Every structure is written in structure tokens, then in C-alpha cells.
Amino acid sequence: MKPLDKTLVRKLALVLLLKLAVLFLLWWGFVRVVQLHVDGDSVAAQFLQSPSLPAKGVTR
């Protein structure tokens, strides 16, 4: 491997690690604390309800 190739690999690895760190921090700050309680009855009610009507002016 040429020295230029090693530098490129090192830079790419650094960028990927920084991206992973940013994604982890975003998850830690915004998603981790969200707790949603789901039970079988609420899921069944959601699936068994009648479909909503399309908005006015929307054609299929």
C-alpha cells in the first residue's frame, strides 16, 4: 500500500468514527428517553378501525 493510500484509509476511518459518534449522541439525546407503552388491545383497536376518508382534492 502506498503512503497516500494509508492516509486516505486513516481519514475515512476517522470520518466514519465521527459520524457514528454524532449518531450515537443524537440518539442518546433525543430517542433514548422516549418510552412508549404498547399493549395488545390498543394495537388490535388500531388495526381494526375503519380506514379514514381521503382529504378533499386528493384523487387516486
N, C-alpha and C. Protein backbone atom coordinates (compact mmCIF):
# COMPACT_ATOMS: atom_id res chain seq x y z
N MET A 1 0.83 -1.17 0.00
CA MET A 1 0.00 0.00 0.00
C MET A 1 0.89 1.24 0.00
N LYS A 2 0.54 2.20 -0.81
CA LYS A 2 1.29 3.44 -0.87
C LYS A 2 0.96 4.29 0.35
N PRO A 3 1.88 5.19 0.72
CA PRO A 3 1.60 6.07 1.87
C PRO A 3 0.33 6.91 1.68
N LEU A 4 0.05 7.32 0.45
CA LEU A 4 -1.16 8.09 0.18
C LEU A 4 -2.40 7.26 0.47
N ASP A 5 -2.37 5.97 0.12
CA ASP A 5 -3.50 5.08 0.39
C ASP A 5 -3.73 4.93 1.89
N LYS A 6 -2.65 4.81 2.65
CA LYS A 6 -2.79 4.66 4.10
C LYS A 6 -3.40 5.92 4.72
N THR A 7 -3.01 7.07 4.19
CA THR A 7 -3.57 8.32 4.69
C THR A 7 -5.06 8.40 4.39
N LEU A 8 -5.44 8.00 3.19
CA LEU A 8 -6.85 8.01 2.81
C LEU A 8 -7.66 7.08 3.70
N VAL A 9 -7.15 5.89 3.95
CA VAL A 9 -7.85 4.92 4.80
C VAL A 9 -7.99 5.49 6.20
N ARG A 10 -6.95 6.11 6.71
CA ARG A 10 -6.98 6.70 8.05
C ARG A 10 -8.03 7.82 8.13
N LYS A 11 -8.07 8.67 7.11
CA LYS A 11 -9.04 9.76 7.09
C LYS A 11 -10.47 9.24 6.99
N LEU A 12 -10.68 8.23 6.15
CA LEU A 12 -12.02 7.65 6.03
C LEU A 12 -12.46 7.00 7.34
N ALA A 13 -11.56 6.31 7.99
CA ALA A 13 -11.88 5.68 9.27
C ALA A 13 -12.23 6.74 10.31
N LEU A 14 -11.51 7.84 10.32
CA LEU A 14 -11.78 8.92 11.26
C LEU A 14 -13.15 9.54 11.00
N VAL A 15 -13.48 9.77 9.74
CA VAL A 15 -14.78 10.34 9.39
C VAL A 15 -15.90 9.39 9.80
N LEU A 16 -15.74 8.10 9.55
CA LEU A 16 -16.77 7.13 9.95
C LEU A 16 -16.95 7.09 11.46
N LEU A 17 -15.86 7.14 12.19
CA LEU A 17 -15.96 7.14 13.65
C LEU A 17 -16.65 8.41 14.15
N LEU A 18 -16.35 9.54 13.55
CA LEU A 18 -17.02 10.78 13.94
C LEU A 18 -18.51 10.72 13.63
N LYS A 19 -18.88 10.17 12.48
CA LYS A 19 -20.29 10.03 12.14
C LYS A 19 -21.01 9.13 13.14
N LEU A 20 -20.38 8.02 13.48
CA LEU A 20 -21.00 7.12 14.46
C LEU A 20 -21.16 7.81 15.80
N ALA A 21 -20.17 8.60 16.20
CA ALA A 21 -20.26 9.31 17.48
C ALA A 21 -21.40 10.32 17.45
N VAL A 22 -21.54 11.05 16.35
CA VAL A 22 -22.62 12.03 16.24
C VAL A 22 -23.98 11.33 16.27
N LEU A 23 -24.11 10.23 15.53
CA LEU A 23 -25.38 9.49 15.54
C LEU A 23 -25.71 8.97 16.94
N PHE A 24 -24.70 8.47 17.63
CA PHE A 24 -24.92 7.97 18.99
C PHE A 24 -25.35 9.11 19.92
N LEU A 25 -24.71 10.26 19.79
CA LEU A 25 -25.08 11.39 20.64
C LEU A 25 -26.49 11.88 20.34
N LEU A 26 -26.88 11.91 19.07
CA LEU A 26 -28.24 12.30 18.71
C LEU A 26 -29.25 11.30 19.28
N TRP A 27 -28.95 10.02 19.16
CA TRP A 27 -29.83 9.00 19.72
C TRP A 27 -29.93 9.17 21.24
N TRP A 28 -28.79 9.37 21.88
CA TRP A 28 -28.74 9.49 23.34
C TRP A 28 -29.56 10.70 23.80
N GLY A 29 -29.50 11.78 23.04
CA GLY A 29 -30.18 12.99 23.45
C GLY A 29 -31.67 13.02 23.15
N PHE A 30 -32.10 12.37 22.08
CA PHE A 30 -33.48 12.53 21.64
C PHE A 30 -34.31 11.26 21.68
N VAL A 31 -33.73 10.11 21.47
CA VAL A 31 -34.51 8.88 21.32
C VAL A 31 -34.50 8.03 22.58
N ARG A 32 -33.41 8.00 23.28
CA ARG A 32 -33.24 7.11 24.42
C ARG A 32 -34.30 7.30 25.48
N VAL A 33 -34.71 8.53 25.72
CA VAL A 33 -35.62 8.81 26.83
C VAL A 33 -37.09 8.57 26.49
N VAL A 34 -37.40 8.34 25.23
CA VAL A 34 -38.79 8.13 24.83
C VAL A 34 -39.20 6.71 25.22
N GLN A 35 -40.24 6.62 26.02
CA GLN A 35 -40.74 5.30 26.42
C GLN A 35 -42.20 5.22 26.01
N LEU A 36 -42.52 4.22 25.24
CA LEU A 36 -43.87 4.06 24.73
C LEU A 36 -44.42 2.72 25.21
N HIS A 37 -45.55 2.78 25.87
CA HIS A 37 -46.19 1.55 26.35
C HIS A 37 -47.19 1.08 25.30
N VAL A 38 -47.02 -0.16 24.85
CA VAL A 38 -47.92 -0.73 23.85
C VAL A 38 -48.49 -2.02 24.42
N ASP A 39 -49.82 -2.13 24.35
CA ASP A 39 -50.44 -3.38 24.77
C ASP A 39 -51.25 -3.95 23.61
N GLY A 40 -51.61 -5.18 23.72
CA GLY A 40 -52.30 -5.88 22.64
C GLY A 40 -53.64 -5.28 22.28
N ASP A 41 -54.38 -4.79 23.26
CA ASP A 41 -55.70 -4.24 22.99
C ASP A 41 -55.61 -2.95 22.15
N SER A 42 -54.65 -2.10 22.46
CA SER A 42 -54.54 -0.85 21.69
C SER A 42 -54.07 -1.12 20.26
N VAL A 43 -53.21 -2.12 20.09
CA VAL A 43 -52.76 -2.48 18.74
C VAL A 43 -53.92 -3.06 17.94
N ALA A 44 -54.69 -3.93 18.56
CA ALA A 44 -55.84 -4.52 17.88
C ALA A 44 -56.86 -3.45 17.50
N ALA A 45 -57.12 -2.50 18.39
CA ALA A 45 -58.07 -1.43 18.10
C ALA A 45 -57.58 -0.57 16.94
N GLN A 46 -56.28 -0.34 16.87
CA GLN A 46 -55.71 0.46 15.79
C GLN A 46 -55.87 -0.25 14.44
N PHE A 47 -55.63 -1.55 14.42
CA PHE A 47 -55.73 -2.29 13.16
C PHE A 47 -57.17 -2.56 12.74
N LEU A 48 -58.08 -2.63 13.69
CA LEU A 48 -59.46 -2.97 13.36
C LEU A 48 -60.33 -1.76 13.07
N GLN A 49 -59.83 -0.57 13.26
CA GLN A 49 -60.65 0.61 12.98
C GLN A 49 -60.83 0.78 11.47
N SER A 50 -61.92 1.46 11.09
CA SER A 50 -62.20 1.64 9.66
C SER A 50 -61.20 2.64 9.07
N PRO A 51 -60.89 2.48 7.80
CA PRO A 51 -59.91 3.39 7.18
C PRO A 51 -60.48 4.80 7.10
N SER A 52 -59.60 5.78 7.24
CA SER A 52 -60.05 7.17 7.19
C SER A 52 -60.33 7.57 5.75
N LEU A 53 -61.17 8.56 5.58
CA LEU A 53 -61.51 9.06 4.26
C LEU A 53 -60.38 9.95 3.74
N PRO A 54 -60.13 9.91 2.43
CA PRO A 54 -59.08 10.77 1.90
C PRO A 54 -59.47 12.25 1.99
N ALA A 55 -58.49 13.12 2.06
CA ALA A 55 -58.74 14.55 2.15
C ALA A 55 -59.36 15.05 0.84
N LYS A 56 -60.08 16.17 0.92
CA LYS A 56 -60.70 16.74 -0.26
C LYS A 56 -59.62 17.14 -1.26
N GLY A 57 -59.92 16.91 -2.53
CA GLY A 57 -58.98 17.29 -3.56
C GLY A 57 -57.92 16.24 -3.86
N VAL A 58 -57.90 15.19 -3.08
CA VAL A 58 -56.92 14.12 -3.31
C VAL A 58 -57.58 13.05 -4.15
N THR A 59 -56.99 12.74 -5.28
CA THR A 59 -57.53 11.71 -6.16
C THR A 59 -56.58 10.53 -6.20
N ARG A 60 -57.12 9.40 -6.49
CA ARG A 60 -56.27 8.20 -6.56
C ARG A 60 -56.08 7.78 -7.97
